Amino acid sequence: MSPLKLSGFTGIGYNKGRGVLWQVAWFAVQNLLFQTWWCPSSLRVHILRFFGASVGQGVKIRHGVMVHWPWKLRIEDNVWIGVDAWILNLEPVTIGSDSCISQGVLLCTGSHAFDSPTFEFDNGPISVGSGSWIGARATVLRGVSVGDGCLVGASALVVKDVPSGTRVLASMGVSRVVQAGQQAGEML
């Protein structure tokens, strides 16, 4: 494999979905109003709808939430989105009804093809099924479908589809007790 040649990047195949003025308007509103702690959840819902998102009834969106392109977002009824969640939706993201996207979650539809000498995009949509909970600081990557009634535990990394009713938990670290005078590599 040859090294990357980023100067040749073209972005071929990626469509932002709206013109530059609309993008600028969204980034201004997102940074000056939408993300602020004092903006009520109901206003955030109206702002997303104004910018082209499909947002159902009973949706709660906390402060600090970032949405890359609202026109590529569909949120069904009674969804909660927690503080500092980031929906990096270069491609469509769909969140099913009665789902919870917790604090600090990253839903990332974007990636790059490392095998491409010019590091071209390798994006894919994300869907989260109804009645699912994506736990705090979990990450769901591009092209993944999380089924209905799933739990993605705190800090879990999801890189492939999750069947309905599945629980995905983050790996737990293994701790070792090192006694005084013992080398760190020695087992007790």
N, C-alpha and C. Protein backbone atom coordinates (compact mmCIF):
# COMPACT_ATOMS: atom_id res chain seq x y z
N MET A 1 0.83 -1.19 0.00
CA MET A 1 0.00 0.00 0.00
C MET A 1 0.88 1.24 0.00
N SER A 2 0.49 2.21 -0.78
CA SER A 2 1.26 3.45 -0.84
C SER A 2 0.78 4.44 0.22
N PRO A 3 1.62 5.38 0.59
CA PRO A 3 1.22 6.37 1.60
C PRO A 3 0.11 7.27 1.07
N LEU A 4 -0.59 7.88 1.99
CA LEU A 4 -1.68 8.78 1.62
C LEU A 4 -1.16 10.02 0.90
N LYS A 5 -1.94 10.49 -0.04
CA LYS A 5 -1.67 11.74 -0.77
C LYS A 5 -2.89 12.63 -0.59
N LEU A 6 -2.98 13.27 0.57
CA LEU A 6 -4.17 14.04 0.91
C LEU A 6 -4.41 15.22 -0.02
N SER A 7 -3.39 15.70 -0.69
CA SER A 7 -3.57 16.83 -1.62
C SER A 7 -4.47 16.45 -2.79
N GLY A 8 -4.63 15.16 -3.05
CA GLY A 8 -5.47 14.70 -4.16
C GLY A 8 -6.91 14.41 -3.77
N PHE A 9 -7.27 14.64 -2.50
CA PHE A 9 -8.62 14.36 -2.01
C PHE A 9 -9.65 15.12 -2.83
N THR A 10 -10.71 14.41 -3.26
CA THR A 10 -11.77 15.05 -4.07
C THR A 10 -13.11 15.11 -3.36
N GLY A 11 -13.37 14.22 -2.40
CA GLY A 11 -14.67 14.17 -1.76
C GLY A 11 -15.75 13.59 -2.65
N ILE A 12 -15.34 12.90 -3.70
CA ILE A 12 -16.27 12.36 -4.68
C ILE A 12 -17.32 11.47 -4.00
N GLY A 13 -18.56 11.62 -4.43
CA GLY A 13 -19.65 10.81 -3.92
C GLY A 13 -20.34 11.34 -2.69
N TYR A 14 -19.81 12.41 -2.09
CA TYR A 14 -20.43 12.98 -0.88
C TYR A 14 -21.24 14.20 -1.26
N ASN A 15 -22.53 14.19 -0.91
CA ASN A 15 -23.42 15.30 -1.18
C ASN A 15 -23.90 15.88 0.13
N LYS A 16 -23.59 17.14 0.39
CA LYS A 16 -23.98 17.79 1.64
C LYS A 16 -25.49 18.01 1.73
N GLY A 17 -26.17 18.01 0.60
CA GLY A 17 -27.62 18.06 0.61
C GLY A 17 -28.24 19.45 0.57
N ARG A 18 -27.47 20.47 0.82
CA ARG A 18 -27.96 21.86 0.77
C ARG A 18 -26.81 22.76 0.34
N GLY A 19 -27.16 23.96 -0.11
CA GLY A 19 -26.17 24.91 -0.57
C GLY A 19 -25.38 25.56 0.56
N VAL A 20 -24.34 26.27 0.19
CA VAL A 20 -23.41 26.88 1.14
C VAL A 20 -24.12 27.86 2.09
N LEU A 21 -25.01 28.69 1.58
CA LEU A 21 -25.69 29.66 2.45
C LEU A 21 -26.53 28.97 3.51
N TRP A 22 -27.21 27.89 3.13
CA TRP A 22 -28.01 27.13 4.10
C TRP A 22 -27.10 26.48 5.14
N GLN A 23 -25.95 25.96 4.72
CA GLN A 23 -24.99 25.35 5.64
C GLN A 23 -24.48 26.40 6.64
N VAL A 24 -24.13 27.57 6.13
CA VAL A 24 -23.63 28.65 6.99
C VAL A 24 -24.70 29.07 7.99
N ALA A 25 -25.94 29.20 7.51
CA ALA A 25 -27.04 29.57 8.40
C ALA A 25 -27.20 28.54 9.52
N TRP A 26 -27.14 27.25 9.15
CA TRP A 26 -27.27 26.21 10.17
C TRP A 26 -26.15 26.30 11.19
N PHE A 27 -24.91 26.41 10.74
CA PHE A 27 -23.80 26.47 11.70
C PHE A 27 -23.90 27.69 12.62
N ALA A 28 -24.37 28.81 12.10
CA ALA A 28 -24.55 30.00 12.93
C ALA A 28 -25.62 29.76 13.99
N VAL A 29 -26.77 29.25 13.58
CA VAL A 29 -27.86 29.01 14.52
C VAL A 29 -27.48 27.93 15.53
N GLN A 30 -26.80 26.88 15.06
CA GLN A 30 -26.40 25.81 15.98
C GLN A 30 -25.47 26.34 17.06
N ASN A 31 -24.49 27.14 16.68
CA ASN A 31 -23.50 27.61 17.64
C ASN A 31 -23.97 28.77 18.51
N LEU A 32 -24.84 29.61 17.98
CA LEU A 32 -25.29 30.78 18.74
C LEU A 32 -26.55 30.53 19.56
N LEU A 33 -27.32 29.50 19.22
CA LEU A 33 -28.60 29.28 19.90
C LEU A 33 -28.84 27.81 20.26
N PHE A 34 -28.83 26.94 19.29
CA PHE A 34 -29.25 25.55 19.45
C PHE A 34 -28.51 24.82 20.58
N GLN A 35 -27.20 24.98 20.67
CA GLN A 35 -26.40 24.24 21.65
C GLN A 35 -26.39 24.87 23.04
N THR A 36 -26.88 26.08 23.18
CA THR A 36 -26.76 26.79 24.46
C THR A 36 -27.61 26.16 25.55
N TRP A 37 -27.19 26.32 26.79
CA TRP A 37 -27.90 25.75 27.94
C TRP A 37 -29.25 26.42 28.14
N TRP A 38 -29.40 27.64 27.73
CA TRP A 38 -30.63 28.39 27.98
C TRP A 38 -31.69 28.22 26.89
N CYS A 39 -31.37 27.58 25.79
CA CYS A 39 -32.34 27.33 24.72
C CYS A 39 -33.22 26.14 25.13
N PRO A 40 -34.54 26.34 25.22
CA PRO A 40 -35.40 25.22 25.64
C PRO A 40 -35.47 24.11 24.60
N SER A 41 -35.68 22.90 25.08
CA SER A 41 -35.76 21.73 24.22
C SER A 41 -36.80 21.92 23.11
N SER A 42 -37.94 22.49 23.45
CA SER A 42 -39.00 22.68 22.45
C SER A 42 -38.53 23.58 21.31
N LEU A 43 -37.72 24.58 21.62
CA LEU A 43 -37.18 25.46 20.57
C LEU A 43 -36.16 24.70 19.71
N ARG A 44 -35.36 23.86 20.34
CA ARG A 44 -34.40 23.05 19.57
C ARG A 44 -35.13 22.18 18.55
N VAL A 45 -36.25 21.59 18.96
CA VAL A 45 -37.05 20.77 18.05
C VAL A 45 -37.54 21.61 16.88
N HIS A 46 -38.06 22.81 17.15
CA HIS A 46 -38.54 23.69 16.08
C HIS A 46 -37.41 24.11 15.15
N ILE A 47 -36.24 24.38 15.71
CA ILE A 47 -35.09 24.78 14.90
C ILE A 47 -34.70 23.63 13.95
N LEU A 48 -34.63 22.41 14.48
CA LEU A 48 -34.30 21.27 13.62
C LEU A 48 -35.31 21.12 12.50
N ARG A 49 -36.58 21.24 12.82
CA ARG A 49 -37.62 21.13 11.78
C ARG A 49 -37.46 22.23 10.74
N PHE A 50 -37.17 23.45 11.18
CA PHE A 50 -36.99 24.57 10.25
C PHE A 50 -35.87 24.27 9.26
N PHE A 51 -34.82 23.61 9.74
CA PHE A 51 -33.68 23.30 8.88
C PHE A 51 -33.82 21.96 8.16
N GLY A 52 -35.00 21.36 8.20
CA GLY A 52 -35.28 20.21 7.36
C GLY A 52 -35.29 18.85 8.03
N ALA A 53 -35.07 18.79 9.34
CA ALA A 53 -35.13 17.51 10.04
C ALA A 53 -36.58 17.06 10.18
N SER A 54 -36.77 15.76 10.20
CA SER A 54 -38.08 15.20 10.52
C SER A 54 -38.03 14.82 12.01
N VAL A 55 -38.83 15.53 12.82
CA VAL A 55 -38.80 15.32 14.27
C VAL A 55 -40.22 15.07 14.76
N GLY A 56 -40.41 13.94 15.44
CA GLY A 56 -41.72 13.56 15.95
C GLY A 56 -42.13 14.35 17.18
N GLN A 57 -43.20 13.89 17.80
CA GLN A 57 -43.75 14.52 19.00
C GLN A 57 -43.04 14.00 20.25
N GLY A 58 -43.00 14.82 21.30
CA GLY A 58 -42.45 14.40 22.57
C GLY A 58 -40.96 14.22 22.60
N VAL A 59 -40.25 14.82 21.65
CA VAL A 59 -38.79 14.70 21.58
C VAL A 59 -38.15 15.71 22.53
N LYS A 60 -37.17 15.26 23.30
CA LYS A 60 -36.42 16.10 24.24
C LYS A 60 -34.96 16.12 23.81
N ILE A 61 -34.43 17.32 23.59
CA ILE A 61 -33.04 17.49 23.17
C ILE A 61 -32.36 18.42 24.16
N ARG A 62 -31.35 17.94 24.85
CA ARG A 62 -30.65 18.72 25.87
C ARG A 62 -29.59 19.63 25.24
N HIS A 63 -29.02 20.49 26.06
CA HIS A 63 -28.02 21.44 25.58
C HIS A 63 -26.72 20.72 25.21
N GLY A 64 -25.96 21.38 24.37
CA GLY A 64 -24.67 20.84 23.95
C GLY A 64 -24.75 19.83 22.82
N VAL A 65 -25.96 19.47 22.39
CA VAL A 65 -26.12 18.51 21.30
C VAL A 65 -25.67 19.16 19.99
N MET A 66 -24.89 18.42 19.21
CA MET A 66 -24.45 18.89 17.89
C MET A 66 -25.05 17.98 16.82
N VAL A 67 -25.58 18.60 15.78
CA VAL A 67 -26.11 17.89 14.62
C VAL A 67 -25.40 18.47 13.41
N HIS A 68 -24.75 17.62 12.63
CA HIS A 68 -24.00 18.13 11.48
C HIS A 68 -24.92 18.69 10.41
N TRP A 69 -25.84 17.89 9.89
CA TRP A 69 -26.79 18.35 8.87
C TRP A 69 -28.20 17.96 9.30
N PRO A 70 -29.01 18.90 9.78
CA PRO A 70 -30.37 18.56 10.23
C PRO A 70 -31.24 17.96 9.13
N TRP A 71 -31.02 18.36 7.89
CA TRP A 71 -31.82 17.84 6.78
C TRP A 71 -31.53 16.38 6.49
N LYS A 72 -30.57 15.79 7.16
CA LYS A 72 -30.27 14.36 7.03
C LYS A 72 -30.59 13.62 8.34
N LEU A 73 -31.55 14.14 9.10
CA LEU A 73 -31.89 13.58 10.40
C LEU A 73 -33.38 13.29 10.50
N ARG A 74 -33.70 12.08 10.97
CA ARG A 74 -35.09 11.72 11.23
C ARG A 74 -35.17 11.18 12.65
N ILE A 75 -35.99 11.84 13.48
CA ILE A 75 -36.19 11.43 14.87
C ILE A 75 -37.68 11.16 15.05
N GLU A 76 -38.02 9.95 15.47
CA GLU A 76 -39.42 9.61 15.68
C GLU A 76 -39.89 10.09 17.05
N ASP A 77 -41.09 9.72 17.47
CA ASP A 77 -41.73 10.22 18.69
C ASP A 77 -41.02 9.78 19.96
N ASN A 78 -41.09 10.66 20.97
CA ASN A 78 -40.67 10.37 22.35
C ASN A 78 -39.22 9.91 22.46
N VAL A 79 -38.35 10.60 21.75
CA VAL A 79 -36.91 10.32 21.80
C VAL A 79 -36.26 11.33 22.74
N TRP A 80 -35.30 10.87 23.53
CA TRP A 80 -34.49 11.74 24.37
C TRP A 80 -33.07 11.75 23.83
N ILE A 81 -32.50 12.95 23.71
CA ILE A 81 -31.10 13.09 23.29
C ILE A 81 -30.38 13.88 24.38
N GLY A 82 -29.37 13.27 24.98
CA GLY A 82 -28.71 13.82 26.16
C GLY A 82 -27.65 14.86 25.86
N VAL A 83 -27.23 15.51 26.92
CA VAL A 83 -26.22 16.58 26.88
C VAL A 83 -24.98 16.13 26.11
N ASP A 84 -24.52 16.99 25.22
CA ASP A 84 -23.26 16.80 24.48
C ASP A 84 -23.24 15.61 23.52
N ALA A 85 -24.42 15.09 23.15
CA ALA A 85 -24.44 14.06 22.11
C ALA A 85 -24.04 14.71 20.79
N TRP A 86 -23.39 13.94 19.92
CA TRP A 86 -22.94 14.47 18.63
C TRP A 86 -23.45 13.54 17.53
N ILE A 87 -24.32 14.08 16.70
CA ILE A 87 -24.85 13.35 15.56
C ILE A 87 -24.11 13.87 14.33
N LEU A 88 -23.03 13.18 13.98
CA LEU A 88 -22.19 13.56 12.85
C LEU A 88 -22.75 12.85 11.62
N ASN A 89 -23.81 13.44 11.07
CA ASN A 89 -24.58 12.78 10.02
C ASN A 89 -24.28 13.35 8.63
N LEU A 90 -23.13 12.94 8.09
CA LEU A 90 -22.83 13.24 6.70
C LEU A 90 -23.80 12.48 5.80
N GLU A 91 -24.31 11.36 6.31
CA GLU A 91 -25.35 10.55 5.67
C GLU A 91 -26.53 10.49 6.62
N PRO A 92 -27.68 9.98 6.17
CA PRO A 92 -28.88 9.98 7.02
C PRO A 92 -28.70 9.21 8.33
N VAL A 93 -29.31 9.78 9.38
CA VAL A 93 -29.43 9.12 10.68
C VAL A 93 -30.91 9.08 11.02
N THR A 94 -31.37 7.90 11.42
CA THR A 94 -32.76 7.70 11.84
C THR A 94 -32.75 7.16 13.26
N ILE A 95 -33.55 7.77 14.13
CA ILE A 95 -33.67 7.33 15.52
C ILE A 95 -35.13 6.98 15.75
N GLY A 96 -35.38 5.71 16.08
CA GLY A 96 -36.73 5.22 16.27
C GLY A 96 -37.38 5.73 17.54
N SER A 97 -38.69 5.61 17.60
CA SER A 97 -39.47 6.12 18.72
C SER A 97 -39.08 5.47 20.05
N ASP A 98 -39.29 6.24 21.12
CA ASP A 98 -39.04 5.77 22.49
C ASP A 98 -37.61 5.30 22.71
N SER A 99 -36.67 5.96 22.04
CA SER A 99 -35.25 5.64 22.20
C SER A 99 -34.55 6.75 22.96
N CYS A 100 -33.45 6.39 23.59
CA CYS A 100 -32.65 7.35 24.36
C CYS A 100 -31.22 7.33 23.83
N ILE A 101 -30.76 8.51 23.44
CA ILE A 101 -29.37 8.72 23.03
C ILE A 101 -28.74 9.50 24.19
N SER A 102 -27.94 8.85 25.00
CA SER A 102 -27.46 9.45 26.26
C SER A 102 -26.34 10.47 26.06
N GLN A 103 -25.89 11.00 27.18
CA GLN A 103 -24.87 12.03 27.22
C GLN A 103 -23.59 11.61 26.53
N GLY A 104 -23.09 12.50 25.67
CA GLY A 104 -21.79 12.28 25.05
C GLY A 104 -21.74 11.20 23.98
N VAL A 105 -22.88 10.69 23.56
CA VAL A 105 -22.90 9.67 22.51
C VAL A 105 -22.43 10.28 21.19
N LEU A 106 -21.71 9.48 20.39
CA LEU A 106 -21.32 9.88 19.04
C LEU A 106 -21.95 8.91 18.05
N LEU A 107 -22.81 9.45 17.17
CA LEU A 107 -23.33 8.70 16.03
C LEU A 107 -22.59 9.26 14.83
N CYS A 108 -21.66 8.50 14.26
CA CYS A 108 -20.76 9.01 13.22
C CYS A 108 -20.95 8.27 11.91
N THR A 109 -21.57 8.92 10.93
CA THR A 109 -21.81 8.30 9.63
C THR A 109 -20.62 8.46 8.69
N GLY A 110 -19.63 9.22 9.06
CA GLY A 110 -18.51 9.51 8.17
C GLY A 110 -17.28 8.68 8.48
N SER A 111 -16.55 8.38 7.42
CA SER A 111 -15.25 7.72 7.54
C SER A 111 -14.48 7.98 6.25
N HIS A 112 -13.31 7.41 6.17
CA HIS A 112 -12.48 7.52 4.97
C HIS A 112 -11.97 6.13 4.61
N ALA A 113 -11.73 5.92 3.34
CA ALA A 113 -11.18 4.66 2.85
C ALA A 113 -9.66 4.73 2.95
N PHE A 114 -9.09 4.02 3.90
CA PHE A 114 -7.65 4.06 4.10
C PHE A 114 -6.91 3.48 2.92
N ASP A 115 -7.55 2.58 2.18
CA ASP A 115 -6.93 1.99 0.99
C ASP A 115 -6.95 2.94 -0.21
N SER A 116 -7.69 4.03 -0.11
CA SER A 116 -7.71 5.03 -1.17
C SER A 116 -6.50 5.94 -1.02
N PRO A 117 -5.66 6.06 -2.04
CA PRO A 117 -4.48 6.91 -1.91
C PRO A 117 -4.81 8.36 -1.57
N THR A 118 -6.01 8.82 -1.96
CA THR A 118 -6.40 10.20 -1.67
C THR A 118 -7.38 10.28 -0.49
N PHE A 119 -7.55 9.16 0.25
CA PHE A 119 -8.32 9.16 1.51
C PHE A 119 -9.77 9.60 1.29
N GLU A 120 -10.39 9.07 0.23
CA GLU A 120 -11.77 9.45 -0.10
C GLU A 120 -12.75 8.97 0.96
N PHE A 121 -13.93 9.58 0.97
CA PHE A 121 -14.95 9.24 1.94
C PHE A 121 -15.40 7.79 1.82
N ASP A 122 -15.75 7.20 2.94
CA ASP A 122 -16.36 5.88 3.02
C ASP A 122 -17.47 5.99 4.07
N ASN A 123 -18.54 6.71 3.72
CA ASN A 123 -19.62 7.03 4.64
C ASN A 123 -20.73 6.00 4.56
N GLY A 124 -21.61 6.00 5.55
CA GLY A 124 -22.78 5.14 5.54
C GLY A 124 -23.79 5.61 6.56
N PRO A 125 -25.08 5.37 6.31
CA PRO A 125 -26.13 5.82 7.23
C PRO A 125 -26.12 5.02 8.53
N ILE A 126 -26.80 5.56 9.52
CA ILE A 126 -26.99 4.90 10.82
C ILE A 126 -28.47 4.90 11.13
N SER A 127 -28.96 3.76 11.66
CA SER A 127 -30.32 3.73 12.17
C SER A 127 -30.31 3.11 13.57
N VAL A 128 -31.12 3.71 14.44
CA VAL A 128 -31.30 3.21 15.80
C VAL A 128 -32.77 2.84 15.90
N GLY A 129 -33.05 1.59 16.24
CA GLY A 129 -34.42 1.10 16.30
C GLY A 129 -35.21 1.66 17.46
N SER A 130 -36.50 1.44 17.42
CA SER A 130 -37.41 1.90 18.47
C SER A 130 -37.12 1.19 19.79
N GLY A 131 -37.29 1.94 20.87
CA GLY A 131 -37.13 1.37 22.20
C GLY A 131 -35.71 1.00 22.56
N SER A 132 -34.73 1.62 21.90
CA SER A 132 -33.32 1.31 22.17
C SER A 132 -32.69 2.41 23.01
N TRP A 133 -31.64 2.04 23.71
CA TRP A 133 -30.91 2.97 24.56
C TRP A 133 -29.43 2.90 24.19
N ILE A 134 -28.88 4.03 23.75
CA ILE A 134 -27.46 4.13 23.48
C ILE A 134 -26.86 4.84 24.70
N GLY A 135 -26.07 4.13 25.49
CA GLY A 135 -25.56 4.62 26.76
C GLY A 135 -24.51 5.71 26.63
N ALA A 136 -24.26 6.39 27.74
CA ALA A 136 -23.34 7.53 27.79
C ALA A 136 -22.00 7.22 27.15
N ARG A 137 -21.55 8.13 26.31
CA ARG A 137 -20.24 8.11 25.66
C ARG A 137 -20.03 6.91 24.73
N ALA A 138 -21.11 6.23 24.36
CA ALA A 138 -21.00 5.15 23.38
C ALA A 138 -20.79 5.75 21.99
N THR A 139 -20.22 4.97 21.09
CA THR A 139 -19.99 5.40 19.71
C THR A 139 -20.58 4.37 18.76
N VAL A 140 -21.39 4.85 17.82
CA VAL A 140 -21.94 4.00 16.77
C VAL A 140 -21.37 4.54 15.45
N LEU A 141 -20.69 3.65 14.70
CA LEU A 141 -20.01 4.08 13.48
C LEU A 141 -20.84 3.85 12.23
N ARG A 142 -20.36 4.39 11.13
CA ARG A 142 -21.06 4.45 9.86
C ARG A 142 -21.52 3.08 9.37
N GLY A 143 -22.72 3.10 8.77
CA GLY A 143 -23.26 1.90 8.17
C GLY A 143 -23.92 0.94 9.13
N VAL A 144 -24.07 1.31 10.40
CA VAL A 144 -24.59 0.40 11.43
C VAL A 144 -26.09 0.61 11.62
N SER A 145 -26.80 -0.50 11.77
CA SER A 145 -28.20 -0.49 12.18
C SER A 145 -28.28 -1.14 13.56
N VAL A 146 -28.81 -0.40 14.51
CA VAL A 146 -29.08 -0.93 15.85
C VAL A 146 -30.56 -1.27 15.86
N GLY A 147 -30.89 -2.52 16.15
CA GLY A 147 -32.28 -2.98 16.08
C GLY A 147 -33.16 -2.40 17.17
N ASP A 148 -34.41 -2.83 17.17
CA ASP A 148 -35.38 -2.41 18.19
C ASP A 148 -35.03 -3.03 19.53
N GLY A 149 -35.30 -2.29 20.61
CA GLY A 149 -35.15 -2.82 21.95
C GLY A 149 -33.74 -3.21 22.34
N CYS A 150 -32.75 -2.50 21.81
CA CYS A 150 -31.34 -2.81 22.11
C CYS A 150 -30.80 -1.90 23.21
N LEU A 151 -29.80 -2.40 23.90
CA LEU A 151 -29.02 -1.60 24.84
C LEU A 151 -27.59 -1.60 24.34
N VAL A 152 -27.07 -0.40 24.06
CA VAL A 152 -25.65 -0.22 23.77
C VAL A 152 -25.10 0.46 25.01
N GLY A 153 -24.33 -0.26 25.79
CA GLY A 153 -23.87 0.22 27.09
C GLY A 153 -22.91 1.39 27.00
N ALA A 154 -22.73 2.05 28.12
CA ALA A 154 -21.84 3.20 28.22
C ALA A 154 -20.46 2.87 27.67
N SER A 155 -19.93 3.76 26.87
CA SER A 155 -18.60 3.68 26.28
C SER A 155 -18.39 2.55 25.30
N ALA A 156 -19.44 1.85 24.89
CA ALA A 156 -19.30 0.77 23.91
C ALA A 156 -19.00 1.36 22.54
N LEU A 157 -18.28 0.60 21.73
CA LEU A 157 -17.99 0.96 20.34
C LEU A 157 -18.71 -0.04 19.46
N VAL A 158 -19.61 0.47 18.58
CA VAL A 158 -20.41 -0.41 17.72
C VAL A 158 -19.97 -0.20 16.28
N VAL A 159 -19.48 -1.28 15.65
CA VAL A 159 -18.95 -1.21 14.30
C VAL A 159 -19.70 -2.10 13.32
N LYS A 160 -20.65 -2.89 13.82
CA LYS A 160 -21.45 -3.74 12.93
C LYS A 160 -22.88 -3.77 13.45
N ASP A 161 -23.81 -4.23 12.61
CA ASP A 161 -25.23 -4.24 12.96
C ASP A 161 -25.49 -4.99 14.27
N VAL A 162 -26.49 -4.48 15.00
CA VAL A 162 -26.89 -5.05 16.28
C VAL A 162 -28.32 -5.57 16.13
N PRO A 163 -28.54 -6.88 16.23
CA PRO A 163 -29.89 -7.43 16.08
C PRO A 163 -30.83 -6.95 17.19
N SER A 164 -32.10 -6.86 16.88
CA SER A 164 -33.10 -6.44 17.87
C SER A 164 -32.98 -7.25 19.15
N GLY A 165 -33.16 -6.56 20.28
CA GLY A 165 -33.14 -7.22 21.59
C GLY A 165 -31.76 -7.54 22.13
N THR A 166 -30.72 -7.05 21.48
CA THR A 166 -29.35 -7.37 21.88
C THR A 166 -28.80 -6.33 22.85
N ARG A 167 -27.93 -6.78 23.74
CA ARG A 167 -27.19 -5.88 24.63
C ARG A 167 -25.72 -5.91 24.23
N VAL A 168 -25.18 -4.72 23.97
CA VAL A 168 -23.77 -4.58 23.63
C VAL A 168 -23.12 -3.79 24.76
N LEU A 169 -22.16 -4.40 25.43
CA LEU A 169 -21.50 -3.74 26.55
C LEU A 169 -20.04 -3.49 26.22
N ALA A 170 -19.49 -2.43 26.75
CA ALA A 170 -18.08 -2.10 26.54
C ALA A 170 -17.20 -3.15 27.21
N SER A 171 -16.02 -3.36 26.64
CA SER A 171 -15.05 -4.26 27.27
C SER A 171 -14.64 -3.67 28.60
N MET A 172 -14.46 -4.55 29.57
CA MET A 172 -14.02 -4.09 30.88
C MET A 172 -12.53 -4.32 31.01
N GLY A 173 -11.84 -3.34 31.53
CA GLY A 173 -10.41 -3.48 31.75
C GLY A 173 -10.14 -4.51 32.83
N VAL A 174 -8.97 -5.10 32.76
CA VAL A 174 -8.56 -6.08 33.77
C VAL A 174 -7.52 -5.40 34.65
N SER A 175 -7.78 -5.38 35.94
CA SER A 175 -6.82 -4.76 36.85
C SER A 175 -5.94 -5.83 37.47
N ARG A 176 -4.72 -5.44 37.73
CA ARG A 176 -3.77 -6.32 38.39
C ARG A 176 -3.25 -5.61 39.63
N VAL A 177 -3.18 -6.35 40.68
CA VAL A 177 -2.63 -5.80 41.92
C VAL A 177 -1.13 -6.03 41.91
N VAL A 178 -0.37 -4.97 42.07
CA VAL A 178 1.07 -5.08 42.13
C VAL A 178 1.51 -4.73 43.55
N GLN A 179 2.15 -5.69 44.20
CA GLN A 179 2.61 -5.45 45.56
C GLN A 179 3.94 -4.72 45.56
N ALA A 180 4.22 -4.05 46.65
CA ALA A 180 5.48 -3.31 46.79
C ALA A 180 6.66 -4.25 46.50
N GLY A 181 7.58 -3.79 45.67
CA GLY A 181 8.79 -4.56 45.36
C GLY A 181 8.61 -5.54 44.21
N GLN A 182 7.39 -5.74 43.74
CA GLN A 182 7.14 -6.68 42.67
C GLN A 182 7.20 -5.93 41.34
N GLN A 183 7.70 -6.61 40.31
CA GLN A 183 7.73 -6.02 38.97
C GLN A 183 6.32 -5.99 38.39
N ALA A 184 6.02 -4.94 37.66
CA ALA A 184 4.68 -4.78 37.09
C ALA A 184 4.30 -5.93 36.18
N GLY A 185 5.24 -6.55 35.50
CA GLY A 185 4.94 -7.64 34.57
C GLY A 185 4.69 -8.99 35.25
N GLU A 186 5.05 -9.14 36.52
CA GLU A 186 4.89 -10.41 37.22
C GLU A 186 3.43 -10.58 37.68
N MET A 187 2.92 -11.79 37.56
CA MET A 187 1.57 -12.10 38.03
C MET A 187 1.65 -12.53 39.48
N LEU A 188 0.63 -12.23 40.22
CA LEU A 188 0.56 -12.67 41.64
C LEU A 188 0.20 -14.13 41.74
